[in-house]
Amino acid sequence: MSKIFAPQTNPNDDEVKVVEWKYKNNDFVKKGEHIASVESSKVVEEIYSENEGYLEIIHGVNSKTNTGEVIGKINKNKNLK
């Protein structure tokens, strides 16, 4: 399992907003794929998968979260919830 963290896109921002998930919960993603976008006060930044596996979304679209917080995970096995 690997964690997807909210990046700090601007040193003056402590918070970002999730503006897009390219995949749904439990979708299989490959390493290097664009999986999400977050927005700070000045920029929209794309997030790319560091591993392959099944996406687990923790913070949905339009959620605001602190930088450094986990917004999703990539699991080796499909979540059966």
Protein backbone atom coordinates (compact mmCIF):
# COMPACT_ATOMS: atom_id res chain seq x y z
CA MET A 1 0.00 0.00 0.00
CA SER A 2 1.23 3.48 -0.81
CA LYS A 3 -0.22 6.76 0.39
CA ILE A 4 -1.15 9.73 -1.79
CA PHE A 5 -0.36 12.97 0.03
CA ALA A 6 -1.74 16.47 -0.54
CA PRO A 7 1.27 18.39 -1.88
CA GLN A 8 2.33 21.82 -0.68
CA THR A 9 2.16 23.71 -3.97
CA ASN A 10 2.90 27.11 -2.47
CA PRO A 11 4.94 27.83 0.70
CA ASN A 12 2.24 30.25 1.88
CA ASP A 13 -0.61 27.71 1.62
CA ASP A 14 -1.34 25.16 4.34
CA GLU A 15 -4.46 23.86 2.60
CA VAL A 16 -5.38 22.50 -0.82
CA LYS A 17 -8.66 21.51 -2.45
CA VAL A 18 -9.11 18.25 -4.35
CA VAL A 19 -10.53 19.35 -7.71
CA GLU A 20 -10.43 16.08 -9.65
CA TRP A 21 -9.96 12.34 -9.38
CA LYS A 22 -9.27 10.75 -12.78
CA TYR A 23 -10.36 7.34 -11.49
CA LYS A 24 -13.03 5.96 -9.14
CA ASN A 25 -12.60 3.97 -5.94
CA ASN A 26 -11.21 0.50 -6.62
CA ASP A 27 -10.12 1.36 -10.18
CA PHE A 28 -6.76 -0.13 -11.13
CA VAL A 29 -4.08 2.52 -11.80
CA LYS A 30 -0.62 2.08 -13.28
CA LYS A 31 2.58 3.69 -12.05
CA GLY A 32 3.06 7.17 -13.52
CA GLU A 33 -0.60 7.80 -14.40
CA HIS A 34 -2.22 11.15 -13.67
CA ILE A 35 -4.70 10.21 -10.92
CA ALA A 36 -5.78 13.49 -9.27
CA SER A 37 -5.50 17.28 -9.26
CA VAL A 38 -5.39 19.64 -6.29
CA GLU A 39 -5.71 23.40 -6.18
CA SER A 40 -4.00 25.94 -3.92
CA SER A 41 -4.55 29.68 -3.91
CA LYS A 42 -2.31 30.08 -6.97
CA VAL A 43 -2.00 26.84 -8.92
CA VAL A 44 -3.57 23.52 -9.87
CA GLU A 45 -1.13 20.63 -9.49
CA GLU A 46 -1.48 17.18 -10.97
CA ILE A 47 -0.72 14.12 -8.84
CA TYR A 48 0.74 11.00 -10.44
CA SER A 49 0.67 7.44 -9.16
CA GLU A 50 3.94 6.28 -7.64
CA ASN A 51 2.87 2.61 -7.77
CA GLU A 52 0.32 0.42 -9.46
CA GLY A 53 -2.68 -0.99 -7.67
CA TYR A 54 -6.26 -0.23 -6.70
CA LEU A 55 -7.19 3.35 -5.84
CA GLU A 56 -8.81 4.14 -2.49
CA ILE A 57 -10.08 7.73 -2.31
CA ILE A 58 -10.09 9.26 1.17
CA HIS A 59 -10.84 12.92 0.32
CA GLY A 60 -13.33 13.37 -2.51
CA VAL A 61 -13.69 16.16 -5.06
CA ASN A 62 -14.17 19.62 -3.51
CA SER A 63 -12.70 18.44 -0.19
CA LYS A 64 -10.28 20.84 1.45
CA THR A 65 -7.39 19.29 3.34
CA ASN A 66 -4.12 20.29 4.94
CA THR A 67 -0.95 19.88 2.92
CA GLY A 68 0.85 16.67 3.79
CA GLU A 69 -2.40 14.89 4.66
CA VAL A 70 -3.26 11.56 3.04
CA ILE A 71 -5.94 12.07 0.37
CA GLY A 72 -5.89 8.55 -1.02
CA LYS A 73 -4.09 5.22 -1.13
CA ILE A 74 -3.02 2.70 -3.72
CA ASN A 75 -3.56 -0.83 -2.49
CA LYS A 76 -2.17 -4.06 -3.95
CA ASN A 77 -5.58 -5.74 -3.50
CA LYS A 78 -9.03 -4.54 -4.41
CA ASN A 79 -11.03 -3.12 -1.48
CA LEU A 80 -14.12 -5.30 -1.01
CA LYS A 81 -16.20 -2.80 0.99
